[in-house]
C-alpha atoms as a PDB file:
ATOM      1  CA  MET A   1      93.132  26.076  83.161  1.00  0.00           C
ATOM      2  CA  GLU A   2      96.426  25.363  81.393  1.00  0.00           C
ATOM      3  CA  VAL A   3      96.454  23.984  77.846  1.00  0.00           C
ATOM      4  CA  LYS A   4      99.632  23.197  75.922  1.00  0.00           C
ATOM      5  CA  ILE A   5      99.495  22.394  72.204  1.00  0.00           C
ATOM      6  CA  TYR A   6     102.112  20.218  70.534  1.00  0.00           C
ATOM      7  CA  THR A   7     102.820  19.650  66.865  1.00  0.00           C
ATOM      8  CA  PRO A   8     102.929  15.877  66.358  1.00  0.00           C
ATOM      9  CA  ALA A   9     106.078  14.053  65.291  1.00  0.00           C
ATOM     10  CA  VAL A  10     106.630  14.278  61.530  1.00  0.00           C
ATOM     11  CA  ALA A  11     105.593  10.656  60.967  1.00  0.00           C
ATOM     12  CA  LEU A  12     102.239  11.367  62.643  1.00  0.00           C
ATOM     13  CA  GLN A  13     101.371  14.491  60.703  1.00  0.00           C
ATOM     14  CA  GLU A  14      99.590  12.662  57.892  1.00  0.00           C
ATOM     15  CA  TYR A  15      96.838  11.526  60.269  1.00  0.00           C
ATOM     16  CA  VAL A  16      97.126  13.474  63.566  1.00  0.00           C
ATOM     17  CA  TRP A  17      96.178  17.169  63.707  1.00  0.00           C
ATOM     18  CA  LYS A  18      97.429  18.099  67.166  1.00  0.00           C
ATOM     19  CA  ILE A  19      98.283  16.668  70.565  1.00  0.00           C
ATOM     20  CA  SER A  20      97.453  18.764  73.602  1.00  0.00           C
ATOM     21  CA  THR A  21      97.722  18.513  77.361  1.00  0.00           C
ATOM     22  CA  VAL A  22      95.134  19.975  79.726  1.00  0.00           C
ATOM     23  CA  HIS A  23      95.535  20.721  83.418  1.00  0.00           C
ATOM     24  CA  VAL A  24      92.755  22.103  85.624  1.00  0.00           C
ATOM     25  CA  SER A  25      92.692  22.463  89.416  1.00  0.00           C
ATOM     26  CA  LEU A  26      89.452  23.819  90.856  1.00  0.00           C
ATOM     27  CA  PRO A  27      89.658  26.327  93.722  1.00  0.00           C
ATOM     28  CA  ASP A  28      89.415  25.012  97.280  1.00  0.00           C
ATOM     29  CA  GLY A  29      85.838  24.359  98.310  1.00  0.00           C
ATOM     30  CA  ILE A  30      84.572  23.755  94.769  1.00  0.00           C
ATOM     31  CA  GLU A  31      83.865  20.059  94.234  1.00  0.00           C
ATOM     32  CA  ASP A  32      83.002  20.153  90.540  1.00  0.00           C
ATOM     33  CA  VAL A  33      82.315  22.482  87.615  1.00  0.00           C
ATOM     34  CA  VAL A  34      80.089  21.926  84.587  1.00  0.00           C
ATOM     35  CA  THR A  35      80.873  23.453  81.210  1.00  0.00           C
ATOM     36  CA  PRO A  36      79.189  23.125  77.785  1.00  0.00           C
ATOM     37  CA  TYR A  37      80.910  21.090  75.094  1.00  0.00           C
ATOM     38  CA  PRO A  38      79.269  21.434  71.663  1.00  0.00           C
ATOM     39  CA  PRO A  39      80.413  19.278  68.729  1.00  0.00           C
ATOM     40  CA  THR A  40      83.777  19.881  67.102  1.00  0.00           C
ATOM     41  CA  PRO A  41      84.933  18.710  63.656  1.00  0.00           C
ATOM     42  CA  PHE A  42      87.452  16.272  65.160  1.00  0.00           C
ATOM     43  CA  GLN A  43      87.456  12.611  66.001  1.00  0.00           C
ATOM     44  CA  SER A  44      89.666  12.313  69.058  1.00  0.00           C
ATOM     45  CA  LEU A  45      91.247  10.219  71.770  1.00  0.00           C
ATOM     46  CA  MET A  46      91.042  11.630  75.312  1.00  0.00           C
ATOM     47  CA  PHE A  47      93.422  10.197  77.899  1.00  0.00           C
ATOM     48  CA  TYR A  48      92.409  11.062  81.482  1.00  0.00           C
ATOM     49  CA  CYS A  49      95.331  10.657  83.868  1.00  0.00           C
ATOM     50  CA  ASN A  50      93.930   9.803  87.329  1.00  0.00           C
ATOM     51  CA  HIS A  51      90.976  12.175  87.064  1.00  0.00           C
ATOM     52  CA  PRO A  52      88.189  11.079  84.684  1.00  0.00           C
ATOM     53  CA  VAL A  53      85.359  13.490  83.945  1.00  0.00           C
ATOM     54  CA  SER A  54      81.601  12.950  83.816  1.00  0.00           C
ATOM     55  CA  MET A  55      79.484  13.646  80.747  1.00  0.00           C
ATOM     56  CA  GLY A  56      75.808  14.412  80.372  1.00  0.00           C
ATOM     57  CA  ARG A  57      73.664  15.022  77.323  1.00  0.00           C
ATOM     58  CA  LEU A  58      71.155  17.855  77.288  1.00  0.00           C
ATOM     59  CA  ASP A  59      68.204  15.482  77.174  1.00  0.00           C
ATOM     60  CA  SER A  60      69.444  13.037  79.843  1.00  0.00           C
ATOM     61  CA  GLY A  61      69.296  15.178  82.980  1.00  0.00           C
ATOM     62  CA  GLY A  62      72.231  13.329  84.540  1.00  0.00           C
ATOM     63  CA  PHE A  63      75.963  12.671  84.282  1.00  0.00           C
ATOM     64  CA  GLU A  64      77.914   9.477  83.670  1.00  0.00           C
ATOM     65  CA  ARG A  65      81.542   8.960  84.674  1.00  0.00           C
ATOM     66  CA  GLN A  66      83.704   8.447  81.589  1.00  0.00           C
ATOM     67  CA  ALA A  67      86.294   5.784  80.886  1.00  0.00           C
ATOM     68  CA  SER A  68      89.958   6.611  81.496  1.00  0.00           C
ATOM     69  CA  ILE A  69      90.547   6.712  77.729  1.00  0.00           C
ATOM     70  CA  VAL A  70      87.662   7.817  75.538  1.00  0.00           C
ATOM     71  CA  LEU A  71      87.430   7.433  71.782  1.00  0.00           C
ATOM     72  CA  ILE A  72      85.270  10.268  70.458  1.00  0.00           C
ATOM     73  CA  GLY A  73      83.559   9.597  67.142  1.00  0.00           C
ATOM     74  CA  PRO A  74      82.038  12.161  64.757  1.00  0.00           C
ATOM     75  CA  GLN A  75      80.082  14.589  66.905  1.00  0.00           C
ATOM     76  CA  TYR A  76      76.693  16.111  66.247  1.00  0.00           C
ATOM     77  CA  SER A  77      75.104  16.751  69.662  1.00  0.00           C
ATOM     78  CA  ARG A  78      76.236  19.004  72.464  1.00  0.00           C
ATOM     79  CA  VAL A  79      77.189  17.471  75.802  1.00  0.00           C
ATOM     80  CA  ASN A  80      78.014  18.988  79.183  1.00  0.00           C
ATOM     81  CA  ILE A  81      81.326  18.073  80.833  1.00  0.00           C
ATOM     82  CA  LYS A  82      81.650  17.873  84.606  1.00  0.00           C
ATOM     83  CA  VAL A  83      85.174  18.226  86.013  1.00  0.00           C
ATOM     84  CA  HIS A  84      85.676  16.827  89.514  1.00  0.00           C
ATOM     85  CA  GLN A  85      88.202  18.901  91.523  1.00  0.00           C
ATOM     86  CA  LYS A  86      91.055  18.258  89.092  1.00  0.00           C
ATOM     87  CA  LEU A  87      91.627  17.411  85.445  1.00  0.00           C
ATOM     88  CA  THR A  88      94.860  16.130  83.926  1.00  0.00           C
ATOM     89  CA  ALA A  89      94.379  14.939  80.369  1.00  0.00           C
ATOM     90  CA  ILE A  90      96.057  14.367  77.017  1.00  0.00           C
ATOM     91  CA  ARG A  91      94.036  14.927  73.877  1.00  0.00           C
ATOM     92  CA  VAL A  92      94.750  13.669  70.377  1.00  0.00           C
ATOM     93  CA  ASP A  93      92.758  15.265  67.553  1.00  0.00           C
ATOM     94  CA  PHE A  94      92.881  13.439  64.235  1.00  0.00           C
ATOM     95  CA  LEU A  95      92.867  14.976  60.795  1.00  0.00           C
ATOM     96  CA  PRO A  96      89.722  14.324  58.737  1.00  0.00           C
ATOM     97  CA  GLY A  97      89.851  10.642  57.820  1.00  0.00           C
ATOM     98  CA  GLY A  98      92.676  10.007  60.289  1.00  0.00           C
ATOM     99  CA  MET A  99      90.731   7.921  62.788  1.00  0.00           C
ATOM    100  CA  TYR A 100      89.273   5.864  59.941  1.00  0.00           C
ATOM    101  CA  ARG A 101      92.783   5.195  58.656  1.00  0.00           C
ATOM    102  CA  LEU A 102      93.827   4.131  62.166  1.00  0.00           C
ATOM    103  CA  LEU A 103      90.858   1.889  62.989  1.00  0.00           C
ATOM    104  CA  GLY A 104      89.558   0.779  59.594  1.00  0.00           C
ATOM    105  CA  ILE A 105      86.018   1.243  60.944  1.00  0.00           C
ATOM    106  CA  PRO A 106      83.503   3.358  58.977  1.00  0.00           C
ATOM    107  CA  MET A 107      83.118   6.517  61.023  1.00  0.00           C
ATOM    108  CA  ASN A 108      79.341   6.619  60.565  1.00  0.00           C
ATOM    109  CA  GLU A 109      79.264   3.558  62.862  1.00  0.00           C
ATOM    110  CA  LEU A 110      80.744   5.746  65.629  1.00  0.00           C
ATOM    111  CA  PHE A 111      78.475   8.727  64.927  1.00  0.00           C
ATOM    112  CA  ASP A 112      77.729  10.979  67.902  1.00  0.00           C
ATOM    113  CA  GLY A 113      79.244   8.622  70.449  1.00  0.00           C
ATOM    114  CA  GLY A 114      82.041   8.290  72.967  1.00  0.00           C
ATOM    115  CA  PHE A 115      83.516   4.857  73.635  1.00  0.00           C
ATOM    116  CA  ASP A 116      85.992   3.121  75.928  1.00  0.00           C
ATOM    117  CA  ALA A 117      89.144   3.047  73.785  1.00  0.00           C
ATOM    118  CA  ILE A 118      90.285  -0.221  75.370  1.00  0.00           C
ATOM    119  CA  ASP A 119      87.397  -1.933  73.553  1.00  0.00           C
ATOM    120  CA  PHE A 120      89.012  -0.941  70.240  1.00  0.00           C
ATOM    121  CA  PHE A 121      92.714  -1.395  70.998  1.00  0.00           C
ATOM    122  CA  GLY A 122      92.723  -4.109  73.659  1.00  0.00           C
ATOM    123  CA  SER A 123      95.685  -4.907  75.880  1.00  0.00           C
ATOM    124  CA  GLU A 124      98.080  -2.369  74.346  1.00  0.00           C
ATOM    125  CA  MET A 125      95.705   0.473  75.254  1.00  0.00           C
ATOM    126  CA  LYS A 126      95.206  -0.988  78.729  1.00  0.00           C
ATOM    127  CA  ASP A 127      98.984  -1.074  79.194  1.00  0.00           C
ATOM    128  CA  LEU A 128      99.221   2.549  78.053  1.00  0.00           C
ATOM    129  CA  ASN A 129      96.463   3.526  80.475  1.00  0.00           C
ATOM    130  CA  ASP A 130      98.333   1.826  83.341  1.00  0.00           C
ATOM    131  CA  GLN A 131     101.463   3.802  82.464  1.00  0.00           C
ATOM    132  CA  LEU A 132      99.543   7.097  82.281  1.00  0.00           C
ATOM    133  CA  GLN A 133      98.204   6.623  85.805  1.00  0.00           C
ATOM    134  CA  GLU A 134     101.806   6.634  87.076  1.00  0.00           C
ATOM    135  CA  ILE A 135     103.230   9.674  85.258  1.00  0.00           C
ATOM    136  CA  ASN A 136     104.763  12.623  87.099  1.00  0.00           C
ATOM    137  CA  ASP A 137     103.903  15.257  84.498  1.00  0.00           C
ATOM    138  CA  LEU A 138     101.739  15.577  81.418  1.00  0.00           C
ATOM    139  CA  TYR A 139     104.647  16.009  79.015  1.00  0.00           C
ATOM    140  CA  GLU A 140     105.850  12.553  80.019  1.00  0.00           C
ATOM    141  CA  GLY A 141     102.352  11.261  79.257  1.00  0.00           C
ATOM    142  CA  LYS A 142     102.301  13.051  75.913  1.00  0.00           C
ATOM    143  CA  LYS A 143     105.499  11.205  74.920  1.00  0.00           C
ATOM    144  CA  LEU A 144     103.924   7.853  75.842  1.00  0.00           C
ATOM    145  CA  VAL A 145     100.828   8.625  73.764  1.00  0.00           C
ATOM    146  CA  GLU A 146     102.957   9.765  70.831  1.00  0.00           C
ATOM    147  CA  LYS A 147     104.988   6.534  70.990  1.00  0.00           C
ATOM    148  CA  PHE A 148     101.751   4.527  70.903  1.00  0.00           C
ATOM    149  CA  LEU A 149     100.571   6.424  67.808  1.00  0.00           C
ATOM    150  CA  LEU A 150     103.941   6.097  66.071  1.00  0.00           C
ATOM    151  CA  ASN A 151     103.716   2.330  66.440  1.00  0.00           C
ATOM    152  CA  LYS A 152     100.470   2.453  64.417  1.00  0.00           C
ATOM    153  CA  VAL A 153     101.807   4.373  61.411  1.00  0.00           C
ATOM    154  CA  THR A 154     102.859   1.364  59.330  1.00  0.00           C
ATOM    155  CA  ALA A 155      99.401  -0.237  59.665  1.00  0.00           C
ATOM    156  CA  LEU A 156      97.385   2.827  58.603  1.00  0.00           C
ATOM    157  CA  LYS A 157      94.967   2.520  55.719  1.00  0.00           C
ATOM    158  CA  GLU A 158      96.224   4.326  52.613  1.00  0.00           C
ATOM    159  CA  ILE A 159      95.936   8.067  52.311  1.00  0.00           C
ATOM    160  CA  LEU A 160      93.713   9.277  49.459  1.00  0.00           C
ATOM    161  CA  PRO A 161      93.278  12.583  47.600  1.00  0.00           C
ATOM    162  CA  PHE A 162      90.023  12.765  49.608  1.00  0.00           C
ATOM    163  CA  ASP A 163      91.969  13.141  52.846  1.00  0.00           C
ATOM    164  CA  SER A 164      94.054  16.013  51.502  1.00  0.00           C
ATOM    165  CA  ALA A 165      90.970  17.753  50.082  1.00  0.00           C
ATOM    166  CA  VAL A 166      88.991  17.589  53.329  1.00  0.00           C
ATOM    167  CA  ARG A 167      92.047  18.830  55.201  1.00  0.00           C
ATOM    168  CA  ILE A 168      91.879  21.954  53.025  1.00  0.00           C
ATOM    169  CA  MET A 169      88.199  22.289  53.950  1.00  0.00           C
ATOM    170  CA  LEU A 170      89.210  22.047  57.623  1.00  0.00           C
ATOM    171  CA  LYS A 171      91.811  24.786  57.225  1.00  0.00           C
ATOM    172  CA  ASN A 172      89.176  26.983  55.553  1.00  0.00           C
ATOM    173  CA  ASN A 173      86.728  26.420  58.445  1.00  0.00           C
ATOM    174  CA  GLY A 174      84.143  24.917  56.106  1.00  0.00           C
ATOM    175  CA  ASN A 175      84.059  27.972  53.835  1.00  0.00           C
ATOM    176  CA  MET A 176      84.708  25.992  50.678  1.00  0.00           C
ATOM    177  CA  SER A 177      82.186  24.595  48.226  1.00  0.00           C
ATOM    178  CA  ILE A 178      81.356  20.888  48.286  1.00  0.00           C
ATOM    179  CA  GLU A 179      81.858  20.800  44.510  1.00  0.00           C
ATOM    180  CA  LYS A 180      85.403  22.155  44.800  1.00  0.00           C
ATOM    181  CA  THR A 181      86.261  19.741  47.614  1.00  0.00           C
ATOM    182  CA  ALA A 182      84.911  16.804  45.600  1.00  0.00           C
ATOM    183  CA  SER A 183      86.953  17.924  42.600  1.00  0.00           C
ATOM    184  CA  LEU A 184      90.136  18.067  44.710  1.00  0.00           C
ATOM    185  CA  SER A 185      89.257  14.567  45.906  1.00  0.00           C
ATOM    186  CA  CYS A 186      89.146  13.344  42.283  1.00  0.00           C
ATOM    187  CA  LEU A 187      85.622  12.054  42.950  1.00  0.00           C
ATOM    188  CA  SER A 188      82.131  12.703  41.642  1.00  0.00           C
ATOM    189  CA  LEU A 189      79.732  14.341  44.079  1.00  0.00           C
ATOM    190  CA  LYS A 190      78.025  11.039  44.877  1.00  0.00           C
ATOM    191  CA  GLN A 191      81.327   9.267  45.355  1.00  0.00           C
ATOM    192  CA  PHE A 192      82.538  12.120  47.557  1.00  0.00           C
ATOM    193  CA  GLU A 193      79.431  11.956  49.744  1.00  0.00           C
ATOM    194  CA  ARG A 194      79.863   8.199  50.223  1.00  0.00           C
ATOM    195  CA  LYS A 195      83.523   8.639  51.088  1.00  0.00           C
ATOM    196  CA  CYS A 196      82.633  11.379  53.612  1.00  0.00           C
ATOM    197  CA  LYS A 197      80.261   9.066  55.470  1.00  0.00           C
ATOM    198  CA  GLU A 198      82.910   6.357  55.564  1.00  0.00           C
ATOM    199  CA  ARG A 199      85.941   8.452  56.526  1.00  0.00           C
ATOM    200  CA  ILE A 200      84.481  11.364  58.547  1.00  0.00           C
ATOM    201  CA  GLY A 201      81.112   9.909  59.543  1.00  0.00           C
ATOM    202  CA  MET A 202      78.662  12.369  58.002  1.00  0.00           C
ATOM    203  CA  ASN A 203      77.710  14.022  54.736  1.00  0.00           C
ATOM    204  CA  PRO A 204      79.944  16.897  53.569  1.00  0.00           C
ATOM    205  CA  LYS A 205      77.339  19.644  54.057  1.00  0.00           C
ATOM    206  CA  MET A 206      76.891  18.680  57.700  1.00  0.00           C
ATOM    207  CA  TYR A 207      80.644  18.542  58.221  1.00  0.00           C
ATOM    208  CA  ALA A 208      81.071  22.004  56.671  1.00  0.00           C
ATOM    209  CA  ARG A 209      78.328  23.366  58.975  1.00  0.00           C
ATOM    210  CA  ILE A 210      80.037  21.925  62.051  1.00  0.00           C
ATOM    211  CA  LEU A 211      83.351  23.428  60.933  1.00  0.00           C
ATOM    212  CA  LYS A 212      81.787  26.865  60.609  1.00  0.00           C
ATOM    213  CA  PHE A 213      79.820  26.568  63.855  1.00  0.00           C
ATOM    214  CA  SER A 214      82.903  25.405  65.741  1.00  0.00           C
ATOM    215  CA  THR A 215      84.827  28.414  64.459  1.00  0.00           C
ATOM    216  CA  ALA A 216      82.127  30.743  65.803  1.00  0.00           C
ATOM    217  CA  TYR A 217      81.909  28.959  69.149  1.00  0.00           C
ATOM    218  CA  ARG A 218      85.672  28.979  69.660  1.00  0.00           C
ATOM    219  CA  LEU A 219      85.837  32.673  68.765  1.00  0.00           C
ATOM    220  CA  HIS A 220      83.349  33.400  71.523  1.00  0.00           C
ATOM    221  CA  GLU A 221      85.234  31.286  74.067  1.00  0.00           C
ATOM    222  CA  ALA A 222      88.513  32.991  73.150  1.00  0.00           C
ATOM    223  CA  THR A 223      87.193  36.579  72.852  1.00  0.00           C
ATOM    224  CA  PRO A 224      83.886  36.898  74.751  1.00  0.00           C
ATOM    225  CA  ALA A 225      83.885  40.670  74.247  1.00  0.00           C
ATOM    226  CA  LEU A 226      83.567  40.230  70.475  1.00  0.00           C
ATOM    227  CA  SER A 227      80.004  40.866  69.305  1.00  0.00           C
ATOM    228  CA  TRP A 228      77.984  38.031  67.827  1.00  0.00           C
ATOM    229  CA  THR A 229      77.641  40.050  64.637  1.00  0.00           C
ATOM    230  CA  ASN A 230      81.409  40.195  64.293  1.00  0.00           C
ATOM    231  CA  ILE A 231      81.732  36.509  65.184  1.00  0.00           C
ATOM    232  CA  ALA A 232      79.251  35.579  62.435  1.00  0.00           C
ATOM    233  CA  TYR A 233      81.291  37.597  59.947  1.00  0.00           C
ATOM    234  CA  GLU A 234      84.655  36.180  61.078  1.00  0.00           C
ATOM    235  CA  ALA A 235      83.321  32.606  60.916  1.00  0.00           C
ATOM    236  CA  GLY A 236      82.115  33.124  57.344  1.00  0.00           C
ATOM    237  CA  TYR A 237      78.350  33.084  57.916  1.00  0.00           C
ATOM    238  CA  TYR A 238      76.114  34.750  55.341  1.00  0.00           C
ATOM    239  CA  ASP A 239      74.341  36.555  58.167  1.00  0.00           C
ATOM    240  CA  GLN A 240      73.766  36.314  61.906  1.00  0.00           C
ATOM    241  CA  MET A 241      70.505  34.381  61.516  1.00  0.00           C
ATOM    242  CA  HIS A 242      72.328  31.502  59.837  1.00  0.00           C
ATOM    243  CA  MET A 243      74.724  31.389  62.780  1.00  0.00           C
ATOM    244  CA  ILE A 244      71.858  31.418  65.298  1.00  0.00           C
ATOM    245  CA  ARG A 245      70.257  28.506  63.453  1.00  0.00           C
ATOM    246  CA  ASP A 246      73.444  26.476  63.748  1.00  0.00           C
ATOM    247  CA  PHE A 247      73.802  27.298  67.449  1.00  0.00           C
ATOM    248  CA  LYS A 248      70.293  25.978  68.067  1.00  0.00           C
ATOM    249  CA  VAL A 249      71.161  22.768  66.205  1.00  0.00           C
ATOM    250  CA  PHE A 250      74.643  22.095  67.569  1.00  0.00           C
ATOM    251  CA  ALA A 251      74.661  23.860  70.952  1.00  0.00           C
ATOM    252  CA  GLY A 252      70.993  23.242  71.719  1.00  0.00           C
ATOM    253  CA  VAL A 253      70.432  26.926  72.524  1.00  0.00           C
ATOM    254  CA  ASN A 254      70.853  30.304  70.880  1.00  0.00           C
ATOM    255  CA  PRO A 255      74.129  32.259  71.258  1.00  0.00           C
ATOM    256  CA  SER A 256      72.932  34.485  74.103  1.00  0.00           C
ATOM    257  CA  VAL A 257      72.075  31.447  76.232  1.00  0.00           C
ATOM    258  CA  ILE A 258      75.430  29.756  75.629  1.00  0.00           C
ATOM    259  CA  GLU A 259      77.078  33.080  76.485  1.00  0.00           C
ATOM    260  CA  HIS A 260      75.277  33.091  79.852  1.00  0.00           C
ATOM    261  CA  GLN A 261      76.207  29.444  80.482  1.00  0.00           C
ATOM    262  CA  LEU A 262      79.881  30.143  79.845  1.00  0.00           C
ATOM    263  CA  GLN A 263      79.781  33.084  82.239  1.00  0.00           C
ATOM    264  CA  SER A 264      78.867  30.671  85.030  1.00  0.00           C
ATOM    265  CA  THR A 265      81.945  28.437  84.566  1.00  0.00           C
ATOM    266  CA  PRO A 266      85.688  29.199  84.654  1.00  0.00           C
ATOM    267  CA  LEU A 267      86.459  26.541  82.037  1.00  0.00           C
ATOM    268  CA  ARG A 268      86.878  27.144  78.307  1.00  0.00           C
ATOM    269  CA  MET A 269      87.338  23.711  76.782  1.00  0.00           C
ATOM    270  CA  GLN A 270      87.527  24.475  73.051  1.00  0.00           C
ATOM    271  CA  LYS A 271      89.190  27.826  72.421  1.00  0.00           C
ATOM    272  CA  ASP A 272      92.608  26.200  71.932  1.00  0.00           C
ATOM    273  CA  LEU A 273      91.525  23.368  69.646  1.00  0.00           C
ATOM    274  CA  PHE A 274      92.659  24.878  66.320  1.00  0.00           C
END
C-alpha cells in the first residue's frame, strides 16, 4: 500500500487539510481484502479512479459497491472497506467547517453517511470523474482535483473565528476544553454548540471524543508493537478504561479485537491521515 500526502495549494489551505493519493495492488490470487474503517474527524471527498471499493456496516452483514466519487459526511459509526484486487484513489480531507463552507449545507444533515458526490456538484463533478478514469498516474489526478477545488474558493462561505478555534482543537487531538474552544470562537457555550452542529455535524464533546479516539486508532495502525497502555497515554486519555469505552463506541469492539482484525489484513487505511 502506497500513500502520498500533499500539502494543498496556498489558496486551498483555509478549507482543505490535506490531499492524498492511495495505491494498492493485491497479491496474485487474492480477489479482495476487507479492512476496518472506524470514524475519523474529517469530512472528505474520495475519488476512486477505475477501481471503486465496497463498504459494509457492522450491522448490515453485506457490502455495497460505492460510487466513483464519494462525499463522506461527519462520521460516527465504523464501517468495513472491501478492496477489489486494486485501489487507486485520491482523498481530500477538509478542515473542520471546510465542507460546510464549500457546500453551504448543515453538516448534521450529512451525519454518518456517504453520498454520491455527483448529486451535490452535478455536471462539473461528472466531468471531473470522466477525466479521472483516463489518467495515467495519480499525481495527474491530484492536479485535476486540486484545480476543481481552486475553482470553488471564491464561492466559499465566510471563514469565522469558530473555524480557526476548532482547527486548534484538531491539532491538539481533542485535548482542549470545550470552554476554551468556545472562547476562541468568540461564542457562548450554547452558540458554540449550535455552530458545531451546523459546521462539523455534531456537538463539540462528541467531536473531541472522535479526535482522541482517532489518534489512538492511528497510533495502533502505525505502531502495532506499542502497548495499549502507552497508546492511551499518548492519545491523551485519562486512563485505559476511557479509551476502551471509546473503542467500543466508535470501532464497535474493544482494542484487542480490532488488533486481531488488523492482523488479518495487509491494509492500514488511516495511519497516514494526520
